[in-house]
N, C-alpha and C. Protein backbone atom coordinates (compact mmCIF):
# COMPACT_ATOMS: atom_id res chain seq x y z
N MET A 1 11.07 -28.29 17.17
CA MET A 1 10.04 -28.93 16.30
C MET A 1 8.84 -28.07 16.25
N ARG A 2 8.37 -27.89 14.95
CA ARG A 2 7.34 -27.09 14.61
C ARG A 2 5.94 -27.66 15.24
N ASP A 3 5.11 -26.79 15.72
CA ASP A 3 3.78 -27.28 16.12
C ASP A 3 2.96 -27.41 14.74
N ARG A 4 2.55 -28.50 14.49
CA ARG A 4 1.95 -28.84 13.18
C ARG A 4 0.46 -28.20 13.14
N TRP A 5 -0.09 -27.73 14.19
CA TRP A 5 -1.42 -27.10 14.19
C TRP A 5 -1.22 -25.72 14.15
N ASN A 6 -0.08 -25.04 14.42
CA ASN A 6 0.01 -23.56 14.22
C ASN A 6 0.84 -23.20 13.10
N TYR A 7 1.41 -24.17 12.28
CA TYR A 7 2.53 -23.89 11.29
C TYR A 7 1.49 -23.31 10.12
N LYS A 8 2.11 -22.12 9.59
CA LYS A 8 1.56 -21.63 8.42
C LYS A 8 2.56 -21.63 7.27
N SER A 9 2.31 -22.15 6.13
CA SER A 9 3.22 -22.32 5.09
C SER A 9 3.50 -20.93 4.47
N PRO A 10 4.69 -20.66 4.04
CA PRO A 10 5.02 -19.47 3.33
C PRO A 10 4.32 -19.34 2.01
N LEU A 11 3.95 -20.46 1.37
CA LEU A 11 3.12 -20.54 0.21
C LEU A 11 1.71 -19.99 0.44
N GLU A 12 1.36 -20.07 1.56
CA GLU A 12 -0.06 -19.49 1.98
C GLU A 12 0.07 -17.89 1.86
N ASP A 13 1.16 -17.45 2.33
CA ASP A 13 1.43 -15.99 2.38
C ASP A 13 1.42 -15.50 0.77
N VAL A 14 2.05 -16.24 -0.01
CA VAL A 14 2.14 -15.96 -1.48
C VAL A 14 0.78 -15.96 -2.07
N ARG A 15 0.04 -16.97 -1.82
CA ARG A 15 -1.28 -17.09 -2.34
C ARG A 15 -2.28 -15.96 -1.83
N THR A 16 -2.16 -15.63 -0.59
CA THR A 16 -2.87 -14.40 -0.19
C THR A 16 -2.64 -13.14 -0.77
N LEU A 17 -1.17 -13.02 -0.96
CA LEU A 17 -0.86 -11.67 -1.85
C LEU A 17 -1.33 -11.70 -3.21
N ALA A 18 -1.31 -12.84 -3.69
CA ALA A 18 -1.74 -12.85 -5.25
C ALA A 18 -3.23 -12.65 -5.19
N LEU A 19 -4.15 -13.17 -4.31
CA LEU A 19 -5.49 -12.92 -4.24
C LEU A 19 -5.85 -11.52 -4.03
N LEU A 20 -5.06 -10.94 -3.13
CA LEU A 20 -5.37 -9.52 -2.72
C LEU A 20 -4.94 -8.52 -3.91
N SER A 21 -3.79 -8.73 -4.48
CA SER A 21 -3.45 -7.93 -5.58
C SER A 21 -4.42 -8.11 -6.82
N ARG A 22 -4.95 -9.27 -7.06
CA ARG A 22 -5.88 -9.59 -8.16
C ARG A 22 -7.27 -8.79 -7.78
N ALA A 23 -7.71 -8.90 -6.59
CA ALA A 23 -8.95 -8.26 -6.19
C ALA A 23 -8.73 -6.73 -6.07
N PHE A 24 -7.60 -6.27 -5.81
CA PHE A 24 -7.44 -4.79 -5.74
C PHE A 24 -7.41 -4.36 -7.14
N ARG A 25 -6.68 -5.03 -7.98
CA ARG A 25 -6.59 -4.48 -9.47
C ARG A 25 -7.94 -4.54 -10.17
N GLN A 26 -8.89 -5.55 -9.77
CA GLN A 26 -10.10 -5.59 -10.44
C GLN A 26 -11.20 -4.84 -9.65
N ARG A 27 -10.59 -4.08 -8.68
CA ARG A 27 -11.59 -3.19 -7.78
C ARG A 27 -12.76 -4.06 -7.16
N ARG A 28 -12.47 -5.30 -6.83
CA ARG A 28 -13.36 -6.12 -6.06
C ARG A 28 -13.29 -5.78 -4.51
N ARG A 29 -14.27 -6.19 -3.80
CA ARG A 29 -14.13 -5.98 -2.35
C ARG A 29 -13.30 -7.09 -1.80
N ILE A 30 -12.16 -6.60 -1.18
CA ILE A 30 -11.05 -7.59 -0.80
C ILE A 30 -11.53 -8.40 0.39
N GLU A 31 -12.55 -7.95 1.14
CA GLU A 31 -12.82 -8.75 2.39
C GLU A 31 -13.41 -10.01 1.99
N ARG A 32 -13.96 -10.16 0.76
CA ARG A 32 -14.57 -11.39 0.24
C ARG A 32 -13.51 -12.42 -0.05
N GLU A 33 -12.30 -11.99 -0.15
CA GLU A 33 -11.09 -12.84 -0.60
C GLU A 33 -10.54 -13.55 0.72
N PHE A 34 -10.94 -12.95 1.93
CA PHE A 34 -10.28 -13.38 3.22
C PHE A 34 -11.28 -13.93 4.15
N ASN A 35 -10.68 -14.71 5.19
CA ASN A 35 -11.54 -15.11 6.30
C ASN A 35 -11.66 -13.80 7.06
N ASN A 36 -12.36 -13.87 8.41
CA ASN A 36 -12.58 -12.72 9.15
C ASN A 36 -11.14 -12.26 9.67
N SER A 37 -10.17 -13.04 9.97
CA SER A 37 -9.01 -12.63 10.61
C SER A 37 -7.90 -12.25 9.63
N GLY A 38 -7.94 -12.73 8.38
CA GLY A 38 -6.97 -12.50 7.40
C GLY A 38 -6.83 -11.09 7.06
N LEU A 39 -7.96 -10.45 6.93
CA LEU A 39 -7.95 -8.99 6.41
C LEU A 39 -7.61 -8.23 7.73
N GLY A 40 -7.94 -8.64 8.86
CA GLY A 40 -7.47 -7.85 10.00
C GLY A 40 -6.06 -7.85 10.25
N ASP A 41 -5.47 -9.13 10.07
CA ASP A 41 -4.09 -9.26 10.28
C ASP A 41 -3.19 -8.40 9.29
N LEU A 42 -3.71 -8.25 8.11
CA LEU A 42 -3.05 -7.37 7.09
C LEU A 42 -3.22 -5.98 7.51
N LEU A 43 -4.39 -5.51 7.90
CA LEU A 43 -4.64 -4.13 8.30
C LEU A 43 -3.87 -3.79 9.49
N TYR A 44 -3.72 -4.57 10.36
CA TYR A 44 -2.93 -4.26 11.63
C TYR A 44 -1.41 -4.56 11.61
N SER A 45 -1.03 -5.02 10.48
CA SER A 45 0.30 -5.40 10.38
C SER A 45 0.92 -6.52 11.31
N LYS A 46 0.04 -7.34 11.83
CA LYS A 46 0.39 -8.41 12.53
C LYS A 46 1.10 -9.40 11.66
N TRP A 47 0.88 -9.40 10.43
CA TRP A 47 1.33 -10.30 9.36
C TRP A 47 2.86 -9.92 9.08
N LEU A 48 3.04 -8.54 9.45
CA LEU A 48 4.35 -7.88 9.11
C LEU A 48 4.63 -8.00 7.63
N ASP A 49 3.66 -7.75 6.86
CA ASP A 49 3.79 -7.56 5.40
C ASP A 49 3.48 -6.22 4.93
N PRO A 50 4.29 -5.24 4.71
CA PRO A 50 4.00 -3.87 4.35
C PRO A 50 3.26 -3.83 3.05
N ILE A 51 3.49 -4.58 2.07
CA ILE A 51 2.85 -4.59 0.74
C ILE A 51 1.52 -5.02 0.88
N GLY A 52 1.00 -6.01 1.65
CA GLY A 52 -0.25 -6.47 1.79
C GLY A 52 -0.99 -5.60 2.65
N ALA A 53 -0.40 -4.95 3.73
CA ALA A 53 -1.02 -3.96 4.63
C ALA A 53 -1.28 -2.69 3.74
N SER A 54 -0.43 -2.33 2.95
CA SER A 54 -0.73 -1.06 2.06
C SER A 54 -1.86 -1.35 1.13
N LEU A 55 -1.92 -2.46 0.47
CA LEU A 55 -3.02 -2.77 -0.43
C LEU A 55 -4.32 -2.80 0.37
N ALA A 56 -4.38 -3.43 1.49
CA ALA A 56 -5.57 -3.61 2.23
C ALA A 56 -6.14 -2.29 2.71
N THR A 57 -5.17 -1.42 3.03
CA THR A 57 -5.48 -0.11 3.55
C THR A 57 -5.96 0.72 2.39
N TYR A 58 -5.34 0.82 1.31
CA TYR A 58 -5.79 1.62 0.12
C TYR A 58 -7.25 1.03 -0.19
N GLU A 59 -7.49 -0.25 -0.26
CA GLU A 59 -8.77 -0.80 -0.65
C GLU A 59 -9.80 -0.20 0.37
N SER A 60 -9.58 -0.34 1.62
CA SER A 60 -10.38 0.19 2.68
C SER A 60 -10.78 1.57 2.50
N VAL A 61 -9.84 2.43 2.10
CA VAL A 61 -10.06 3.85 1.85
C VAL A 61 -10.86 4.00 0.58
N ARG A 62 -10.57 3.19 -0.53
CA ARG A 62 -11.33 3.42 -1.62
C ARG A 62 -12.91 3.08 -1.31
N ARG A 63 -13.19 2.18 -0.34
CA ARG A 63 -14.54 1.94 0.08
C ARG A 63 -15.18 2.77 1.19
N GLY A 64 -14.37 3.69 1.50
CA GLY A 64 -14.81 4.77 2.55
C GLY A 64 -14.80 4.12 3.97
N GLU A 65 -13.98 3.08 4.15
CA GLU A 65 -13.99 2.40 5.34
C GLU A 65 -12.69 2.85 6.06
N LYS A 66 -12.72 3.90 6.84
CA LYS A 66 -11.57 4.41 7.47
C LYS A 66 -11.42 4.30 9.07
N GLN A 67 -12.24 3.44 9.55
CA GLN A 67 -12.25 3.27 10.93
C GLN A 67 -11.01 2.65 11.51
N TYR A 68 -10.23 1.96 10.64
CA TYR A 68 -8.93 1.35 11.10
C TYR A 68 -7.76 2.09 10.63
N LEU A 69 -7.90 3.25 9.95
CA LEU A 69 -6.87 3.98 9.31
C LEU A 69 -5.72 4.65 10.39
N ALA A 70 -6.27 5.02 11.49
CA ALA A 70 -5.17 5.69 12.45
C ALA A 70 -4.48 4.51 13.04
N GLU A 71 -4.90 3.45 13.33
CA GLU A 71 -4.19 2.28 13.83
C GLU A 71 -3.25 1.69 12.77
N VAL A 72 -3.58 1.49 11.59
CA VAL A 72 -2.86 1.03 10.56
C VAL A 72 -1.62 2.03 10.39
N ALA A 73 -1.88 3.32 10.29
CA ALA A 73 -0.93 4.32 10.07
C ALA A 73 0.18 4.20 11.30
N ARG A 74 -0.27 4.06 12.53
CA ARG A 74 0.71 3.96 13.61
C ARG A 74 1.59 2.62 13.49
N ASN A 75 0.95 1.62 13.07
CA ASN A 75 1.62 0.27 12.91
C ASN A 75 2.68 0.37 11.69
N MET A 76 2.30 1.00 10.73
CA MET A 76 3.14 1.15 9.49
C MET A 76 4.29 1.99 9.92
N GLU A 77 4.04 3.02 10.67
CA GLU A 77 5.12 3.95 11.11
C GLU A 77 6.19 3.27 12.03
N LEU A 78 5.59 2.51 12.91
CA LEU A 78 6.30 1.76 13.81
C LEU A 78 7.11 0.57 13.15
N PHE A 79 6.59 -0.21 12.19
CA PHE A 79 7.36 -1.41 11.59
C PHE A 79 8.03 -1.15 10.34
N PHE A 80 7.48 -0.06 9.45
CA PHE A 80 7.98 0.04 8.22
C PHE A 80 8.15 1.66 7.95
N PRO A 81 8.87 2.33 8.71
CA PRO A 81 8.91 3.87 8.58
C PRO A 81 9.48 4.31 7.31
N ASP A 82 10.40 3.49 6.70
CA ASP A 82 11.14 4.05 5.52
C ASP A 82 10.36 3.63 4.23
N LEU A 83 9.28 2.85 4.29
CA LEU A 83 8.44 2.68 3.11
C LEU A 83 7.65 3.79 2.66
N PRO A 84 7.89 4.36 1.54
CA PRO A 84 7.08 5.46 1.06
C PRO A 84 5.54 5.45 1.23
N ASP A 85 5.03 4.27 1.08
CA ASP A 85 3.59 4.06 1.30
C ASP A 85 3.25 4.23 2.67
N THR A 86 4.04 4.23 3.66
CA THR A 86 3.70 4.40 4.95
C THR A 86 3.27 5.89 5.17
N MET A 87 4.15 6.76 4.74
CA MET A 87 3.86 8.27 4.78
C MET A 87 2.55 8.62 4.01
N ALA A 88 2.25 7.92 2.81
CA ALA A 88 0.98 8.10 2.21
C ALA A 88 -0.16 7.65 3.04
N ILE A 89 -0.02 6.55 3.78
CA ILE A 89 -1.14 6.00 4.66
C ILE A 89 -1.22 6.96 5.72
N ARG A 90 -0.26 7.44 6.42
CA ARG A 90 -0.24 8.50 7.38
C ARG A 90 -0.95 9.72 7.01
N ARG A 91 -0.66 10.14 5.66
CA ARG A 91 -1.39 11.28 5.10
C ARG A 91 -2.89 10.99 4.99
N LEU A 92 -3.28 9.78 4.52
CA LEU A 92 -4.74 9.49 4.52
C LEU A 92 -5.37 9.59 5.82
N ALA A 93 -4.53 9.25 6.81
CA ALA A 93 -5.05 9.26 8.21
C ALA A 93 -5.08 10.61 8.76
N GLY A 94 -4.78 11.65 8.15
CA GLY A 94 -4.77 13.13 8.66
C GLY A 94 -3.53 13.64 8.91
N HIS A 95 -2.23 12.95 8.82
CA HIS A 95 -1.03 13.55 9.21
C HIS A 95 -0.62 14.18 7.97
N LEU A 96 -0.15 15.39 8.08
CA LEU A 96 0.13 16.26 6.86
C LEU A 96 1.57 16.37 6.50
N GLU A 97 2.26 15.30 6.24
CA GLU A 97 3.65 15.21 5.76
C GLU A 97 3.71 15.96 4.41
N GLN A 98 4.74 16.69 4.19
CA GLN A 98 4.91 17.46 2.89
C GLN A 98 5.01 16.49 1.78
N ARG A 99 5.71 15.53 1.85
CA ARG A 99 5.80 14.60 0.75
C ARG A 99 6.55 13.19 1.31
N PRO A 100 6.32 12.08 0.62
CA PRO A 100 7.03 10.93 1.20
C PRO A 100 8.58 10.92 1.10
N ARG A 101 9.07 10.12 1.64
CA ARG A 101 10.63 9.86 1.76
C ARG A 101 11.07 9.31 0.33
N GLY A 102 10.19 8.87 -0.38
CA GLY A 102 10.48 8.24 -1.66
C GLY A 102 9.32 8.23 -2.46
N VAL A 103 9.14 7.52 -3.60
CA VAL A 103 8.00 7.49 -4.45
C VAL A 103 7.21 6.28 -3.88
N PRO A 104 5.95 6.43 -3.50
CA PRO A 104 5.16 5.36 -3.09
C PRO A 104 4.95 4.30 -4.21
N LEU A 105 4.97 3.07 -3.68
CA LEU A 105 4.94 1.91 -4.70
C LEU A 105 3.56 1.97 -5.41
N PHE A 106 2.54 2.23 -4.71
CA PHE A 106 1.11 2.26 -5.36
C PHE A 106 0.57 3.65 -5.75
N ALA A 107 -0.11 3.62 -6.89
CA ALA A 107 -0.76 4.87 -7.45
C ALA A 107 -1.55 5.50 -6.35
N ASP A 108 -2.27 4.79 -5.58
CA ASP A 108 -3.13 5.20 -4.58
C ASP A 108 -2.44 6.05 -3.65
N GLY A 109 -1.38 5.63 -3.29
CA GLY A 109 -0.30 6.33 -2.25
C GLY A 109 0.22 7.56 -2.88
N LEU A 110 0.48 7.54 -4.26
CA LEU A 110 0.89 8.79 -4.76
C LEU A 110 -0.19 9.80 -4.94
N ARG A 111 -1.38 9.31 -5.15
CA ARG A 111 -2.59 10.33 -5.10
C ARG A 111 -2.80 10.95 -3.74
N ALA A 112 -2.40 10.30 -2.68
CA ALA A 112 -2.66 10.84 -1.38
C ALA A 112 -1.91 12.12 -1.21
N PHE A 113 -0.83 12.49 -2.00
CA PHE A 113 -0.21 13.69 -1.81
C PHE A 113 -0.64 14.89 -2.76
N GLY A 114 -1.74 14.74 -3.29
CA GLY A 114 -2.28 15.84 -3.96
C GLY A 114 -1.77 16.00 -5.42
N PRO A 115 -2.27 17.19 -5.97
CA PRO A 115 -1.78 17.40 -7.36
C PRO A 115 -0.38 17.78 -7.60
N ASP A 116 0.41 18.33 -6.67
CA ASP A 116 1.71 18.77 -6.92
C ASP A 116 2.60 17.55 -6.99
N LYS A 117 3.13 17.24 -8.03
CA LYS A 117 4.03 16.04 -8.36
C LYS A 117 5.33 16.61 -8.64
N SER A 118 5.64 17.81 -8.37
CA SER A 118 7.06 18.29 -8.90
C SER A 118 8.30 17.58 -8.16
N TRP A 119 7.99 16.94 -7.06
CA TRP A 119 9.05 16.30 -6.35
C TRP A 119 9.46 14.84 -6.97
N LEU A 120 8.68 14.45 -7.88
CA LEU A 120 8.88 13.11 -8.42
C LEU A 120 10.21 13.18 -9.23
N PRO A 121 10.86 11.97 -9.32
CA PRO A 121 12.09 11.83 -10.12
C PRO A 121 11.93 12.04 -11.57
N TYR A 122 10.69 11.84 -12.19
CA TYR A 122 10.38 11.90 -13.57
C TYR A 122 9.32 12.76 -13.71
N GLU A 123 9.12 13.25 -14.93
CA GLU A 123 8.06 14.27 -15.21
C GLU A 123 6.61 13.60 -14.92
N PRO A 124 5.93 14.35 -14.18
CA PRO A 124 4.47 13.80 -13.86
C PRO A 124 3.67 13.57 -15.07
N ALA A 125 3.87 14.35 -16.10
CA ALA A 125 2.97 14.07 -17.27
C ALA A 125 3.24 12.70 -17.86
N SER A 126 4.33 11.98 -17.40
CA SER A 126 4.48 10.66 -18.00
C SER A 126 4.07 9.60 -17.02
N LEU A 127 3.29 9.83 -16.05
CA LEU A 127 2.82 8.82 -15.07
C LEU A 127 1.83 8.03 -15.83
N ASP A 128 1.93 6.76 -15.44
CA ASP A 128 0.95 5.83 -15.98
C ASP A 128 -0.11 5.54 -14.93
N TRP A 129 -1.36 5.99 -15.04
CA TRP A 129 -2.41 5.88 -13.93
C TRP A 129 -3.16 4.67 -14.18
N SER A 130 -2.95 3.85 -15.14
CA SER A 130 -3.88 2.75 -15.49
C SER A 130 -3.80 1.49 -14.60
N GLY A 131 -2.61 1.44 -13.83
CA GLY A 131 -2.39 0.16 -12.91
C GLY A 131 -2.33 0.58 -11.62
N GLN A 132 -2.10 -0.49 -10.70
CA GLN A 132 -2.08 -0.24 -9.35
C GLN A 132 -0.72 0.36 -8.86
N TRP A 133 0.29 0.09 -9.72
CA TRP A 133 1.70 0.42 -9.25
C TRP A 133 1.93 1.84 -9.82
N THR A 134 2.88 2.65 -9.02
CA THR A 134 3.29 3.92 -9.62
C THR A 134 4.29 3.48 -10.76
N ALA A 135 4.01 3.99 -11.86
CA ALA A 135 4.85 3.68 -13.07
C ALA A 135 4.83 4.83 -14.04
N TRP A 136 5.85 4.96 -14.80
CA TRP A 136 5.96 5.98 -15.94
C TRP A 136 5.88 5.27 -17.21
N ARG A 137 5.62 6.00 -18.17
CA ARG A 137 5.68 5.56 -19.60
C ARG A 137 6.60 6.43 -20.34
N SER A 138 7.22 5.85 -21.35
CA SER A 138 8.07 6.55 -22.30
C SER A 138 9.06 7.45 -21.66
N ILE A 139 9.78 7.00 -20.62
CA ILE A 139 10.75 7.79 -19.98
C ILE A 139 12.18 7.62 -20.83
N LEU A 140 12.74 8.70 -21.30
CA LEU A 140 13.79 8.61 -22.03
C LEU A 140 15.07 9.53 -21.41
N THR A 141 14.61 10.14 -20.14
CA THR A 141 15.80 10.96 -19.52
C THR A 141 16.11 10.25 -18.19
N ARG A 142 17.17 10.89 -17.70
CA ARG A 142 17.68 10.44 -16.35
C ARG A 142 16.72 11.04 -15.34
N PRO A 143 16.63 10.29 -14.14
CA PRO A 143 15.88 11.09 -13.02
C PRO A 143 16.30 12.39 -12.55
N ARG A 144 15.39 13.13 -12.27
CA ARG A 144 15.73 14.54 -11.71
C ARG A 144 16.38 14.37 -10.38
N LEU A 145 17.23 15.22 -10.05
CA LEU A 145 17.86 15.15 -8.69
C LEU A 145 17.02 15.79 -7.58
N PRO A 146 16.97 15.33 -6.53
CA PRO A 146 16.18 15.89 -5.38
C PRO A 146 16.61 17.29 -5.05
């Protein structure tokens, strides 16, 4: 039987991700969307949500708040080593991986790897930098082979 005092509805997680995504997209300070422990849970991956942790990390970096970056990078590497954004976060934390194991989901993660985008599956000139996600516009060709 669940302890009714400690139970957290999965819908609360969905609501939290929606708030986080909206705040990130509108470049608002995300800590205003959370209580004191909510943002920390995301940053430290205690929530075990790589998408929320990535968004929270990129937002913190945007604000110049990098005091948690090394710990978040370690947690992401431990829990989500195959997520391309994990390598982007590690790079932001000072680890110099050549490139991610795949394409980071977020444009902020893609930016972490500098101007050389020759490793991407599509032409870098077609990247759409207008949103938070890594996306291309007007792609009419097949992906390039690695």
